[in-house]
Amino acid sequence: MPTLREVAEPLQAIFTVVPKRGEGVCAICHGAPNPRFDVCYSCQEAISQVSRPLELVVPISLSRVDEQLHYVLRSYKNVSSPDVQRKFRVQVAATVGLFLSRHGGCIRTAAGRSWDALTVVPSSSGRAGPHPLIQTLRLIERWDQGVVETMRTGATRIGHNQADDGGFEVIADVGGRSMLLVDDTLTSSARLQSAASALTLAGADVVAGVVVGRVINPDFNQAAKELWERYSRMPFSFDSCCLEYDPMPA
């Protein structure tokens, strides 16, 4: 079997550098806030609608709709060919696994604590069976990260910029457990914040959220355009993460 590095590192060309928090970068999701704001509109909306918002969010890559990473993050769930689907699932698993192996310490330092298990944000569409991301992360062999299913779609509808404590229902005993919450894509933060709040209200300690692709729409406004144009020109490397440093001085 290939190693995480052997699978993930050849994919580096499809990833985009995520900037460190600071001026022009959202203090939560690392997206693009409007000028003179520390937090982007989507995150501000999401955290205002839940009881227990999550402040430490760590994207692995920025992502643009219709580019290759966005395609991979759709296809590992939805492609019809089992062989093609497995190829994409191996890629997603290796991406998360290699990132956490290299930067789990960065997350622990930023959070001031560790976690004892990984869990994922459920599909808000009510997809039957285990979430594909659960199945994907369990492909990693000889990994010290326990992956547990803890939630399903709740009674309250959530959507773009619509977060709610009732968006997901906790179906496992999470009381006293420390969890790292993982999702494949972050667009408006509503799903991630709803899941984090639901887990926290059920007694879990959600240490951080890790997302593979933080979607940026450069056509949305000038701030998003400038952020994308700046960071999409930089070479991506698994050697650094958004909690460490900004690879280009302002």
C-alpha atoms as a PDB file:
ATOM      1  CA  MET A   1       0.000   0.000   0.000  1.00  0.00           C
ATOM      2  CA  PRO A   2       1.296   3.514  -0.785  1.00  0.00           C
ATOM      3  CA  THR A   3       2.076   5.843   2.088  1.00  0.00           C
ATOM      4  CA  LEU A   4       0.127   9.018   2.863  1.00  0.00           C
ATOM      5  CA  ARG A   5       3.027  11.045   1.502  1.00  0.00           C
ATOM      6  CA  GLU A   6       3.207   9.047  -1.723  1.00  0.00           C
ATOM      7  CA  VAL A   7      -0.492   9.682  -2.418  1.00  0.00           C
ATOM      8  CA  ALA A   8      -0.915  13.247  -1.190  1.00  0.00           C
ATOM      9  CA  GLU A   9       2.274  15.057  -2.171  1.00  0.00           C
ATOM     10  CA  PRO A  10       1.834  14.533  -5.952  1.00  0.00           C
ATOM     11  CA  LEU A  11      -1.515  16.344  -5.570  1.00  0.00           C
ATOM     12  CA  GLN A  12       0.038  19.530  -4.226  1.00  0.00           C
ATOM     13  CA  ALA A  13      -0.567  21.371  -7.492  1.00  0.00           C
ATOM     14  CA  ILE A  14      -4.357  21.239  -6.957  1.00  0.00           C
ATOM     15  CA  PHE A  15      -4.129  22.820  -3.482  1.00  0.00           C
ATOM     16  CA  THR A  16      -3.966  26.521  -2.671  1.00  0.00           C
ATOM     17  CA  VAL A  17      -2.127  28.110   0.251  1.00  0.00           C
ATOM     18  CA  VAL A  18      -4.316  29.153   3.183  1.00  0.00           C
ATOM     19  CA  PRO A  19      -3.209  32.447   4.747  1.00  0.00           C
ATOM     20  CA  LYS A  20      -2.564  32.949   8.421  1.00  0.00           C
ATOM     21  CA  ARG A  21      -5.118  34.997  10.355  1.00  0.00           C
ATOM     22  CA  GLY A  22      -4.492  38.706  10.177  1.00  0.00           C
ATOM     23  CA  GLU A  23      -5.426  41.810   8.268  1.00  0.00           C
ATOM     24  CA  GLY A  24      -7.574  40.867   5.285  1.00  0.00           C
ATOM     25  CA  VAL A  25      -8.028  37.269   6.500  1.00  0.00           C
ATOM     26  CA  CYS A  26     -11.009  36.029   8.516  1.00  0.00           C
ATOM     27  CA  ALA A  27     -10.067  35.220  12.111  1.00  0.00           C
ATOM     28  CA  ILE A  28     -12.201  32.074  11.995  1.00  0.00           C
ATOM     29  CA  CYS A  29     -12.307  30.475   8.534  1.00  0.00           C
ATOM     30  CA  HIS A  30      -9.273  32.174   6.920  1.00  0.00           C
ATOM     31  CA  GLY A  31     -11.492  33.503   4.118  1.00  0.00           C
ATOM     32  CA  ALA A  32     -11.910  37.105   3.027  1.00  0.00           C
ATOM     33  CA  PRO A  33     -13.688  39.547   5.361  1.00  0.00           C
ATOM     34  CA  ASN A  34     -14.767  42.958   4.186  1.00  0.00           C
ATOM     35  CA  PRO A  35     -12.272  45.767   4.822  1.00  0.00           C
ATOM     36  CA  ARG A  36     -11.886  46.760   8.502  1.00  0.00           C
ATOM     37  CA  PHE A  37     -13.614  43.556   9.694  1.00  0.00           C
ATOM     38  CA  ASP A  38     -11.807  40.717  11.461  1.00  0.00           C
ATOM     39  CA  VAL A  39     -14.450  38.085  10.659  1.00  0.00           C
ATOM     40  CA  CYS A  40     -16.122  37.462   7.308  1.00  0.00           C
ATOM     41  CA  TYR A  41     -19.871  37.914   6.881  1.00  0.00           C
ATOM     42  CA  SER A  42     -20.581  34.170   6.604  1.00  0.00           C
ATOM     43  CA  CYS A  43     -18.751  33.300   9.807  1.00  0.00           C
ATOM     44  CA  GLN A  44     -20.339  36.216  11.664  1.00  0.00           C
ATOM     45  CA  GLU A  45     -23.779  35.013  10.601  1.00  0.00           C
ATOM     46  CA  ALA A  46     -23.054  31.396  11.532  1.00  0.00           C
ATOM     47  CA  ILE A  47     -21.552  32.025  14.964  1.00  0.00           C
ATOM     48  CA  SER A  48     -24.379  34.402  15.865  1.00  0.00           C
ATOM     49  CA  GLN A  49     -26.962  31.680  15.235  1.00  0.00           C
ATOM     50  CA  VAL A  50     -25.525  28.902  17.421  1.00  0.00           C
ATOM     51  CA  SER A  51     -25.037  28.605  21.171  1.00  0.00           C
ATOM     52  CA  ARG A  52     -21.510  27.191  21.149  1.00  0.00           C
ATOM     53  CA  PRO A  53     -19.554  28.517  18.176  1.00  0.00           C
ATOM     54  CA  LEU A  54     -16.180  27.095  17.199  1.00  0.00           C
ATOM     55  CA  GLU A  55     -13.374  29.632  16.864  1.00  0.00           C
ATOM     56  CA  LEU A  56     -10.461  27.431  15.777  1.00  0.00           C
ATOM     57  CA  VAL A  57     -11.034  26.390  12.154  1.00  0.00           C
ATOM     58  CA  VAL A  58      -8.104  25.059  10.127  1.00  0.00           C
ATOM     59  CA  PRO A  59      -8.501  24.740   6.350  1.00  0.00           C
ATOM     60  CA  ILE A  60      -5.964  22.592   4.529  1.00  0.00           C
ATOM     61  CA  SER A  61      -6.441  24.443   1.233  1.00  0.00           C
ATOM     62  CA  LEU A  62      -8.411  27.234  -0.341  1.00  0.00           C
ATOM     63  CA  SER A  63     -10.723  25.947  -3.058  1.00  0.00           C
ATOM     64  CA  ARG A  64     -12.490  27.478  -6.036  1.00  0.00           C
ATOM     65  CA  VAL A  65     -15.659  26.006  -7.547  1.00  0.00           C
ATOM     66  CA  ASP A  66     -15.028  24.053 -10.776  1.00  0.00           C
ATOM     67  CA  GLU A  67     -11.304  23.711 -10.162  1.00  0.00           C
ATOM     68  CA  GLN A  68      -9.681  20.340  -9.535  1.00  0.00           C
ATOM     69  CA  LEU A  69      -9.809  20.200  -5.732  1.00  0.00           C
ATOM     70  CA  HIS A  70     -13.501  21.085  -5.731  1.00  0.00           C
ATOM     71  CA  TYR A  71     -14.071  18.297  -8.265  1.00  0.00           C
ATOM     72  CA  VAL A  72     -12.253  15.761  -6.066  1.00  0.00           C
ATOM     73  CA  LEU A  73     -14.276  16.796  -3.007  1.00  0.00           C
ATOM     74  CA  ARG A  74     -17.511  16.210  -4.900  1.00  0.00           C
ATOM     75  CA  SER A  75     -16.478  13.048  -6.683  1.00  0.00           C
ATOM     76  CA  TYR A  76     -15.298  11.082  -3.647  1.00  0.00           C
ATOM     77  CA  LYS A  77     -18.942  11.175  -2.494  1.00  0.00           C
ATOM     78  CA  ASN A  78     -20.937  11.139  -5.702  1.00  0.00           C
ATOM     79  CA  VAL A  79     -19.130   9.522  -8.612  1.00  0.00           C
ATOM     80  CA  SER A  80     -20.894   6.346  -9.802  1.00  0.00           C
ATOM     81  CA  SER A  81     -17.871   4.200 -10.675  1.00  0.00           C
ATOM     82  CA  PRO A  82     -16.639   2.293  -7.571  1.00  0.00           C
ATOM     83  CA  ASP A  83     -13.043   2.234  -8.850  1.00  0.00           C
ATOM     84  CA  VAL A  84     -12.985   5.964  -9.569  1.00  0.00           C
ATOM     85  CA  GLN A  85     -14.686   6.720  -6.276  1.00  0.00           C
ATOM     86  CA  ARG A  86     -12.105   4.716  -4.364  1.00  0.00           C
ATOM     87  CA  LYS A  87      -9.294   6.577  -6.124  1.00  0.00           C
ATOM     88  CA  PHE A  88     -10.717   9.907  -4.971  1.00  0.00           C
ATOM     89  CA  ARG A  89     -11.390   8.598  -1.455  1.00  0.00           C
ATOM     90  CA  VAL A  90      -7.798   7.469  -1.144  1.00  0.00           C
ATOM     91  CA  GLN A  91      -6.689  10.950  -2.212  1.00  0.00           C
ATOM     92  CA  VAL A  92      -8.925  12.668   0.347  1.00  0.00           C
ATOM     93  CA  ALA A  93      -7.877  10.264   3.107  1.00  0.00           C
ATOM     94  CA  ALA A  94      -4.203  10.773   2.348  1.00  0.00           C
ATOM     95  CA  THR A  95      -4.649  14.557   2.309  1.00  0.00           C
ATOM     96  CA  VAL A  96      -6.234  14.633   5.753  1.00  0.00           C
ATOM     97  CA  GLY A  97      -3.905  12.003   7.142  1.00  0.00           C
ATOM     98  CA  LEU A  98      -0.704  13.663   5.944  1.00  0.00           C
ATOM     99  CA  PHE A  99      -1.870  17.106   7.058  1.00  0.00           C
ATOM    100  CA  LEU A 100      -2.690  15.902  10.574  1.00  0.00           C
ATOM    101  CA  SER A 101       0.517  13.918  10.847  1.00  0.00           C
ATOM    102  CA  ARG A 102       2.515  17.050  10.036  1.00  0.00           C
ATOM    103  CA  HIS A 103       0.362  19.731  11.670  1.00  0.00           C
ATOM    104  CA  GLY A 104      -1.551  18.046  14.450  1.00  0.00           C
ATOM    105  CA  GLY A 105       0.967  19.653  16.779  1.00  0.00           C
ATOM    106  CA  CYS A 106       0.150  23.092  15.367  1.00  0.00           C
ATOM    107  CA  ILE A 107      -3.530  22.527  16.094  1.00  0.00           C
ATOM    108  CA  ARG A 108      -2.829  21.281  19.622  1.00  0.00           C
ATOM    109  CA  THR A 109      -0.637  24.304  20.304  1.00  0.00           C
ATOM    110  CA  ALA A 110      -3.252  26.743  18.989  1.00  0.00           C
ATOM    111  CA  ALA A 111      -6.043  25.037  20.940  1.00  0.00           C
ATOM    112  CA  GLY A 112      -4.035  24.440  24.084  1.00  0.00           C
ATOM    113  CA  ARG A 113      -5.207  20.827  24.243  1.00  0.00           C
ATOM    114  CA  SER A 114      -5.521  17.619  22.240  1.00  0.00           C
ATOM    115  CA  TRP A 115      -8.352  15.310  21.137  1.00  0.00           C
ATOM    116  CA  ASP A 116      -9.090  11.628  21.539  1.00  0.00           C
ATOM    117  CA  ALA A 117     -11.118  11.027  18.349  1.00  0.00           C
ATOM    118  CA  LEU A 118     -12.058  12.429  14.958  1.00  0.00           C
ATOM    119  CA  THR A 119     -15.651  12.914  13.880  1.00  0.00           C
ATOM    120  CA  VAL A 120     -17.184  14.449  10.762  1.00  0.00           C
ATOM    121  CA  VAL A 121     -19.882  16.937   9.841  1.00  0.00           C
ATOM    122  CA  PRO A 122     -22.850  14.913   8.554  1.00  0.00           C
ATOM    123  CA  SER A 123     -24.439  15.510   5.203  1.00  0.00           C
ATOM    124  CA  SER A 124     -27.283  18.022   5.541  1.00  0.00           C
ATOM    125  CA  SER A 125     -29.058  16.193   2.708  1.00  0.00           C
ATOM    126  CA  GLY A 126     -29.851  13.257   4.975  1.00  0.00           C
ATOM    127  CA  ARG A 127     -27.686  10.789   3.031  1.00  0.00           C
ATOM    128  CA  ALA A 128     -28.367   7.223   4.202  1.00  0.00           C
ATOM    129  CA  GLY A 129     -25.631   5.211   5.910  1.00  0.00           C
ATOM    130  CA  PRO A 130     -22.241   6.356   7.209  1.00  0.00           C
ATOM    131  CA  HIS A 131     -21.008   9.638   5.788  1.00  0.00           C
ATOM    132  CA  PRO A 132     -18.533   9.084   2.928  1.00  0.00           C
ATOM    133  CA  LEU A 133     -15.916  11.027   4.882  1.00  0.00           C
ATOM    134  CA  ILE A 134     -16.178   8.518   7.758  1.00  0.00           C
ATOM    135  CA  GLN A 135     -15.641   5.693   5.267  1.00  0.00           C
ATOM    136  CA  THR A 136     -12.827   7.620   3.613  1.00  0.00           C
ATOM    137  CA  LEU A 137     -10.858   8.348   6.785  1.00  0.00           C
ATOM    138  CA  ARG A 138     -11.186   4.718   7.843  1.00  0.00           C
ATOM    139  CA  LEU A 139      -9.200   3.733   4.743  1.00  0.00           C
ATOM    140  CA  ILE A 140      -6.052   4.875   6.521  1.00  0.00           C
ATOM    141  CA  GLU A 141      -4.236   1.901   7.963  1.00  0.00           C
ATOM    142  CA  ARG A 142      -2.002   1.971  11.038  1.00  0.00           C
ATOM    143  CA  TRP A 143      -3.365   5.347  12.094  1.00  0.00           C
ATOM    144  CA  ASP A 144      -3.622   6.454  15.704  1.00  0.00           C
ATOM    145  CA  GLN A 145      -6.708   8.586  15.053  1.00  0.00           C
ATOM    146  CA  GLY A 146      -9.999   6.978  16.056  1.00  0.00           C
ATOM    147  CA  VAL A 147     -12.798   7.945  13.651  1.00  0.00           C
ATOM    148  CA  VAL A 148     -16.301   7.869  15.119  1.00  0.00           C
ATOM    149  CA  GLU A 149     -19.735   8.700  13.769  1.00  0.00           C
ATOM    150  CA  THR A 150     -21.495  10.992  16.226  1.00  0.00           C
ATOM    151  CA  MET A 151     -24.264  12.887  14.396  1.00  0.00           C
ATOM    152  CA  ARG A 152     -27.029  12.753  11.829  1.00  0.00           C
ATOM    153  CA  THR A 153     -29.230  15.361  10.198  1.00  0.00           C
ATOM    154  CA  GLY A 154     -31.389  17.119  12.773  1.00  0.00           C
ATOM    155  CA  ALA A 155     -34.936  18.450  12.798  1.00  0.00           C
ATOM    156  CA  THR A 156     -33.993  22.025  11.906  1.00  0.00           C
ATOM    157  CA  ARG A 157     -33.099  22.896   8.348  1.00  0.00           C
ATOM    158  CA  ILE A 158     -29.726  24.532   7.851  1.00  0.00           C
ATOM    159  CA  GLY A 159     -28.341  26.016   4.686  1.00  0.00           C
ATOM    160  CA  HIS A 160     -26.142  28.738   3.273  1.00  0.00           C
ATOM    161  CA  ASN A 161     -25.650  31.262   6.102  1.00  0.00           C
ATOM    162  CA  GLN A 162     -28.346  29.411   8.088  1.00  0.00           C
ATOM    163  CA  ALA A 163     -26.857  27.718  11.151  1.00  0.00           C
ATOM    164  CA  ASP A 164     -28.759  26.231  14.082  1.00  0.00           C
ATOM    165  CA  ASP A 165     -28.110  24.121  17.180  1.00  0.00           C
ATOM    166  CA  GLY A 166     -30.768  21.703  15.934  1.00  0.00           C
ATOM    167  CA  GLY A 167     -29.264  21.261  12.488  1.00  0.00           C
ATOM    168  CA  PHE A 168     -27.629  18.003  13.577  1.00  0.00           C
ATOM    169  CA  GLU A 169     -28.643  15.410  16.155  1.00  0.00           C
ATOM    170  CA  VAL A 170     -25.961  13.780  18.292  1.00  0.00           C
ATOM    171  CA  ILE A 171     -26.469   9.994  18.230  1.00  0.00           C
ATOM    172  CA  ALA A 172     -23.446   8.858  20.258  1.00  0.00           C
ATOM    173  CA  ASP A 173     -22.344   9.301  23.846  1.00  0.00           C
ATOM    174  CA  VAL A 174     -19.867  12.155  23.480  1.00  0.00           C
ATOM    175  CA  GLY A 175     -19.957  13.428  27.046  1.00  0.00           C
ATOM    176  CA  GLY A 176     -16.439  14.151  28.262  1.00  0.00           C
ATOM    177  CA  ARG A 177     -14.839  13.309  24.914  1.00  0.00           C
ATOM    178  CA  SER A 178     -12.452  15.624  23.069  1.00  0.00           C
ATOM    179  CA  MET A 179     -13.197  15.708  19.348  1.00  0.00           C
ATOM    180  CA  LEU A 180     -11.532  17.024  16.222  1.00  0.00           C
ATOM    181  CA  LEU A 181     -14.326  17.897  13.794  1.00  0.00           C
ATOM    182  CA  VAL A 182     -13.505  17.247  10.119  1.00  0.00           C
ATOM    183  CA  ASP A 183     -15.350  18.302   6.966  1.00  0.00           C
ATOM    184  CA  ASP A 184     -14.504  18.137   3.291  1.00  0.00           C
ATOM    185  CA  THR A 185     -15.735  21.582   2.216  1.00  0.00           C
ATOM    186  CA  LEU A 186     -16.502  24.858   3.966  1.00  0.00           C
ATOM    187  CA  THR A 187     -18.553  27.431   2.085  1.00  0.00           C
ATOM    188  CA  SER A 188     -20.511  29.511   4.595  1.00  0.00           C
ATOM    189  CA  SER A 189     -19.531  27.911   7.951  1.00  0.00           C
ATOM    190  CA  ALA A 190     -23.181  27.110   8.721  1.00  0.00           C
ATOM    191  CA  ARG A 191     -22.791  23.322   8.698  1.00  0.00           C
ATOM    192  CA  LEU A 192     -19.497  23.282  10.595  1.00  0.00           C
ATOM    193  CA  GLN A 193     -20.723  25.688  13.278  1.00  0.00           C
ATOM    194  CA  SER A 194     -24.042  23.846  13.644  1.00  0.00           C
ATOM    195  CA  ALA A 195     -22.243  20.527  14.106  1.00  0.00           C
ATOM    196  CA  ALA A 196     -19.715  21.948  16.559  1.00  0.00           C
ATOM    197  CA  SER A 197     -22.445  23.538  18.650  1.00  0.00           C
ATOM    198  CA  ALA A 198     -24.522  20.355  18.700  1.00  0.00           C
ATOM    199  CA  LEU A 199     -21.543  18.320  19.891  1.00  0.00           C
ATOM    200  CA  THR A 200     -20.616  20.855  22.557  1.00  0.00           C
ATOM    201  CA  LEU A 201     -24.171  21.041  23.881  1.00  0.00           C
ATOM    202  CA  ALA A 202     -24.119  17.235  24.126  1.00  0.00           C
ATOM    203  CA  GLY A 203     -21.052  17.383  26.368  1.00  0.00           C
ATOM    204  CA  ALA A 204     -18.142  17.070  23.949  1.00  0.00           C
ATOM    205  CA  ASP A 205     -15.089  19.291  23.844  1.00  0.00           C
ATOM    206  CA  VAL A 206     -14.662  20.279  20.185  1.00  0.00           C
ATOM    207  CA  VAL A 207     -10.996  21.174  20.000  1.00  0.00           C
ATOM    208  CA  ALA A 208     -10.952  22.466  16.407  1.00  0.00           C
ATOM    209  CA  GLY A 209     -12.457  22.054  12.985  1.00  0.00           C
ATOM    210  CA  VAL A 210     -10.354  20.871  10.042  1.00  0.00           C
ATOM    211  CA  VAL A 211     -11.695  21.332   6.516  1.00  0.00           C
ATOM    212  CA  VAL A 212     -10.031  20.121   3.340  1.00  0.00           C
ATOM    213  CA  GLY A 213     -11.248  22.939   1.074  1.00  0.00           C
ATOM    214  CA  ARG A 214     -12.302  26.418   2.153  1.00  0.00           C
ATOM    215  CA  VAL A 215     -14.293  27.676  -0.860  1.00  0.00           C
ATOM    216  CA  ILE A 216     -13.432  31.134  -2.148  1.00  0.00           C
ATOM    217  CA  ASN A 217     -15.467  32.851  -4.864  1.00  0.00           C
ATOM    218  CA  PRO A 218     -13.218  35.541  -6.376  1.00  0.00           C
ATOM    219  CA  ASP A 219     -16.239  37.036  -8.160  1.00  0.00           C
ATOM    220  CA  PHE A 220     -18.117  37.640  -4.902  1.00  0.00           C
ATOM    221  CA  ASN A 221     -16.386  40.889  -3.977  1.00  0.00           C
ATOM    222  CA  GLN A 222     -13.064  42.698  -4.174  1.00  0.00           C
ATOM    223  CA  ALA A 223     -11.786  41.245  -0.898  1.00  0.00           C
ATOM    224  CA  ALA A 224     -12.334  37.679  -2.091  1.00  0.00           C
ATOM    225  CA  LYS A 225     -10.761  38.463  -5.452  1.00  0.00           C
ATOM    226  CA  GLU A 226      -7.644  39.932  -3.865  1.00  0.00           C
ATOM    227  CA  LEU A 227      -7.240  37.054  -1.417  1.00  0.00           C
ATOM    228  CA  TRP A 228      -7.603  34.426  -4.145  1.00  0.00           C
ATOM    229  CA  GLU A 229      -5.289  36.191  -6.575  1.00  0.00           C
ATOM    230  CA  ARG A 230      -2.617  36.603  -3.929  1.00  0.00           C
ATOM    231  CA  TYR A 231      -2.556  33.078  -2.520  1.00  0.00           C
ATOM    232  CA  SER A 232      -3.381  31.083  -5.649  1.00  0.00           C
ATOM    233  CA  ARG A 233      -0.053  32.228  -7.129  1.00  0.00           C
ATOM    234  CA  MET A 234       1.945  30.660  -4.312  1.00  0.00           C
ATOM    235  CA  PRO A 235       3.301  27.104  -4.371  1.00  0.00           C
ATOM    236  CA  PHE A 236       1.482  24.889  -1.890  1.00  0.00           C
ATOM    237  CA  SER A 237       3.392  22.570   0.428  1.00  0.00           C
ATOM    238  CA  PHE A 238       2.321  20.186   3.167  1.00  0.00           C
ATOM    239  CA  ASP A 239       5.341  21.456   5.088  1.00  0.00           C
ATOM    240  CA  SER A 240       3.420  24.527   6.283  1.00  0.00           C
ATOM    241  CA  CYS A 241      -0.090  25.324   7.457  1.00  0.00           C
ATOM    242  CA  CYS A 242      -2.206  28.403   8.119  1.00  0.00           C
ATOM    243  CA  LEU A 243      -1.447  28.310  11.842  1.00  0.00           C
ATOM    244  CA  GLU A 244       2.271  28.788  11.337  1.00  0.00           C
ATOM    245  CA  TYR A 245       3.101  31.674   9.045  1.00  0.00           C
ATOM    246  CA  ASP A 246       2.089  33.710   6.032  1.00  0.00           C
ATOM    247  CA  PRO A 247       4.479  32.735   3.223  1.00  0.00           C
ATOM    248  CA  MET A 248       4.256  36.162   1.559  1.00  0.00           C
ATOM    249  CA  PRO A 249       4.889  39.382   3.515  1.00  0.00           C
ATOM    250  CA  ALA A 250       2.207  42.039   3.201  1.00  0.00           C
END
